[in-house]
Amino acid sequence: MQHIVERELELKLVLSPERSVPVPARLSYLTDDPYAVHITFHIGSETPVHWTFARELLVEGVFRPCGHGDVRIWPTKVDDRSVILVALTSPDGNALLEVPSVAVAAWVERTLRVVPPGSENTMLGLDAALAELLTPLPADDLWLSDPWPSDESQDGEA
């Protein structure tokens, strides 16, 4: 059974040190995809913007700088508030987002209670899927039999 942990929150898109724009977003964690977190940004366009990255990256980013490449996360203080900064890079551009630390830490903790670290693989059902794939079917008997008749006749005739 799939379990979903979601949290609506307002992020700030940092445009400059003096200016930011609020961006409504949804954090989602699905037990069917246990290694990933999903963020959906509602930016006022017809379709929202979706980003997916490793849950482990967000877990670590609550406490210390981490990531490289497309997603980098680090905790900091802005105007005496604890926040998490998320830098996203894509071919379409870059974004620096300010996220409330308390809200993200609480949401991450909920995901860790649903699927504890190190147990993600049990949620994937790989053993059952492999067993199903490897179970022979009646039609497989045709593939396992020799498709070429023997040169020797069955009743001993040459």
Protein backbone atom coordinates (compact mmCIF):
# COMPACT_ATOMS: atom_id res chain seq x y z
CA MET A 1 0.00 0.00 0.00
CA GLN A 2 1.36 3.40 -0.97
CA HIS A 3 1.73 6.01 1.73
CA ILE A 4 2.17 9.70 0.90
CA VAL A 5 3.65 12.37 3.17
CA GLU A 6 2.89 15.88 1.91
CA ARG A 7 3.38 19.41 3.14
CA GLU A 8 2.21 22.66 1.58
CA LEU A 9 4.46 25.61 2.32
CA GLU A 10 5.59 28.93 1.00
CA LEU A 11 9.16 29.23 -0.18
CA LYS A 12 10.97 32.38 -1.16
CA LEU A 13 12.62 32.66 -4.54
CA VAL A 14 15.68 34.79 -3.82
CA LEU A 15 16.18 37.37 -6.57
CA SER A 16 18.83 39.43 -4.78
CA PRO A 17 20.02 39.88 -1.19
CA GLU A 18 17.33 42.53 -0.74
CA ARG A 19 14.47 41.02 -2.74
CA SER A 20 12.60 37.72 -2.82
CA VAL A 21 9.29 36.48 -4.19
CA PRO A 22 6.96 34.04 -2.39
CA VAL A 23 6.39 30.73 -4.19
CA PRO A 24 3.76 28.25 -3.00
CA ALA A 25 5.10 24.70 -3.09
CA ARG A 26 4.27 21.16 -2.08
CA LEU A 27 6.77 18.68 -0.66
CA SER A 28 5.79 15.08 -1.40
CA TYR A 29 7.23 11.74 -0.35
CA LEU A 30 5.78 8.52 -1.75
CA THR A 31 6.62 5.12 -0.32
CA ASP A 32 6.45 3.73 -3.88
CA ASP A 33 9.48 5.93 -4.64
CA PRO A 34 11.27 5.64 -1.27
CA TYR A 35 14.62 7.14 -2.21
CA ALA A 36 13.22 10.39 -3.62
CA VAL A 37 11.48 13.57 -2.54
CA HIS A 38 9.34 15.61 -4.89
CA ILE A 39 8.82 19.36 -4.86
CA THR A 40 6.08 20.96 -6.91
CA PHE A 41 6.31 24.72 -7.40
CA HIS A 42 3.13 26.62 -8.22
CA ILE A 43 4.51 29.59 -10.10
CA GLY A 44 1.36 30.94 -11.70
CA SER A 45 1.83 29.18 -15.04
CA GLU A 46 -0.53 26.63 -16.59
CA THR A 47 1.55 23.75 -15.32
CA PRO A 48 3.50 23.57 -12.08
CA VAL A 49 7.25 22.96 -12.02
CA HIS A 50 8.35 19.60 -10.58
CA TRP A 51 11.73 18.68 -9.14
CA THR A 52 12.74 15.27 -7.82
CA PHE A 53 15.94 14.47 -5.95
CA ALA A 54 17.31 12.11 -3.30
CA ARG A 55 15.62 12.18 0.09
CA GLU A 56 19.05 11.63 1.65
CA LEU A 57 20.16 14.97 0.17
CA LEU A 58 17.36 16.83 1.95
CA VAL A 59 17.91 14.89 5.19
CA GLU A 60 21.58 15.88 5.21
CA GLY A 61 20.89 19.43 3.99
CA VAL A 62 18.87 20.17 7.12
CA PHE A 63 22.11 19.87 9.13
CA ARG A 64 25.04 20.72 6.81
CA PRO A 65 25.86 21.79 3.26
CA CYS A 66 25.52 18.99 0.75
CA GLY A 67 24.94 18.23 -2.89
CA HIS A 68 26.63 19.22 -6.08
CA GLY A 69 25.52 19.76 -9.63
CA ASP A 70 21.80 20.36 -10.11
CA VAL A 71 20.77 20.39 -6.44
CA ARG A 72 22.70 21.91 -3.55
CA ILE A 73 21.25 22.38 -0.05
CA TRP A 74 22.59 24.09 3.07
CA PRO A 75 21.25 25.44 6.37
CA THR A 76 21.82 29.09 7.32
CA LYS A 77 20.32 32.05 9.14
CA VAL A 78 18.58 34.98 7.46
CA ASP A 79 17.47 37.87 9.68
CA ASP A 80 17.90 35.62 12.75
CA ARG A 81 15.61 32.97 11.21
CA SER A 82 16.82 29.44 10.56
CA VAL A 83 16.30 28.60 6.92
CA ILE A 84 17.47 26.05 4.40
CA LEU A 85 18.72 27.32 1.08
CA VAL A 86 18.16 25.16 -1.98
CA ALA A 87 20.02 25.97 -5.18
CA LEU A 88 18.54 24.38 -8.30
CA THR A 89 20.29 24.40 -11.66
CA SER A 90 18.78 23.35 -14.98
CA PRO A 91 19.30 24.12 -18.67
CA ASP A 92 16.43 26.63 -18.29
CA GLY A 93 18.18 28.58 -15.54
CA ASN A 94 19.08 28.72 -11.86
CA ALA A 95 17.00 29.30 -8.76
CA LEU A 96 17.90 29.97 -5.14
CA LEU A 97 15.09 29.10 -2.75
CA GLU A 98 14.76 29.91 0.93
CA VAL A 99 12.79 27.32 2.88
CA PRO A 100 11.71 27.50 6.55
CA SER A 101 13.97 25.07 8.48
CA VAL A 102 11.39 24.06 11.08
CA ALA A 103 8.79 23.11 8.46
CA VAL A 104 11.24 21.11 6.35
CA ALA A 105 12.84 19.35 9.34
CA ALA A 106 9.40 18.32 10.65
CA TRP A 107 8.35 17.04 7.22
CA VAL A 108 11.62 15.13 6.75
CA GLU A 109 11.17 13.55 10.18
CA ARG A 110 7.69 12.36 9.15
CA THR A 111 9.14 10.70 6.04
CA LEU A 112 11.80 9.01 8.18
CA ARG A 113 9.13 7.60 10.50
CA VAL A 114 7.19 6.20 7.53
CA VAL A 115 10.30 4.68 5.91
CA PRO A 116 13.34 4.59 8.20
CA PRO A 117 16.75 5.16 6.58
CA GLY A 118 18.19 1.91 5.26
CA SER A 119 14.79 0.25 4.82
CA GLU A 120 13.90 1.93 1.51
CA ASN A 121 14.64 -1.21 -0.50
CA THR A 122 11.90 -3.12 1.33
CA MET A 123 9.34 -0.67 -0.08
CA LEU A 124 10.30 -1.40 -3.68
CA GLY A 125 9.06 -5.00 -3.67
CA LEU A 126 12.00 -6.14 -5.80
CA ASP A 127 11.97 -9.71 -4.45
CA ALA A 128 8.31 -10.21 -5.32
CA ALA A 129 8.75 -8.59 -8.74
CA LEU A 130 11.77 -10.79 -9.54
CA ALA A 131 9.96 -13.91 -8.37
CA GLU A 132 7.02 -13.04 -10.63
CA LEU A 133 9.30 -12.39 -13.60
CA LEU A 134 11.25 -15.60 -13.10
CA THR A 135 8.29 -17.92 -12.49
CA PRO A 136 7.89 -20.20 -15.51
CA LEU A 137 4.59 -20.05 -17.35
CA PRO A 138 3.00 -22.99 -19.23
CA ALA A 139 4.01 -21.42 -22.53
CA ASP A 140 7.63 -21.45 -21.34
CA ASP A 141 7.63 -25.25 -21.75
CA LEU A 142 7.58 -24.71 -25.51
CA TRP A 143 10.71 -22.59 -25.27
CA LEU A 144 12.45 -25.08 -23.03
CA SER A 145 11.81 -28.05 -25.35
CA ASP A 146 14.15 -28.80 -28.25
CA PRO A 147 12.71 -27.08 -31.34
CA TRP A 148 14.74 -29.24 -33.73
CA PRO A 149 13.70 -32.88 -34.08
CA SER A 150 16.44 -35.40 -33.68
CA ASP A 151 18.01 -36.94 -36.81
CA GLU A 152 17.35 -40.34 -35.30
CA SER A 153 13.85 -41.62 -35.79
CA GLN A 154 11.72 -42.37 -32.78
CA ASP A 155 10.90 -45.97 -33.74
CA GLY A 156 14.42 -47.02 -34.71
CA GLU A 157 14.03 -46.58 -38.49
CA ALA A 158 16.95 -45.12 -40.35
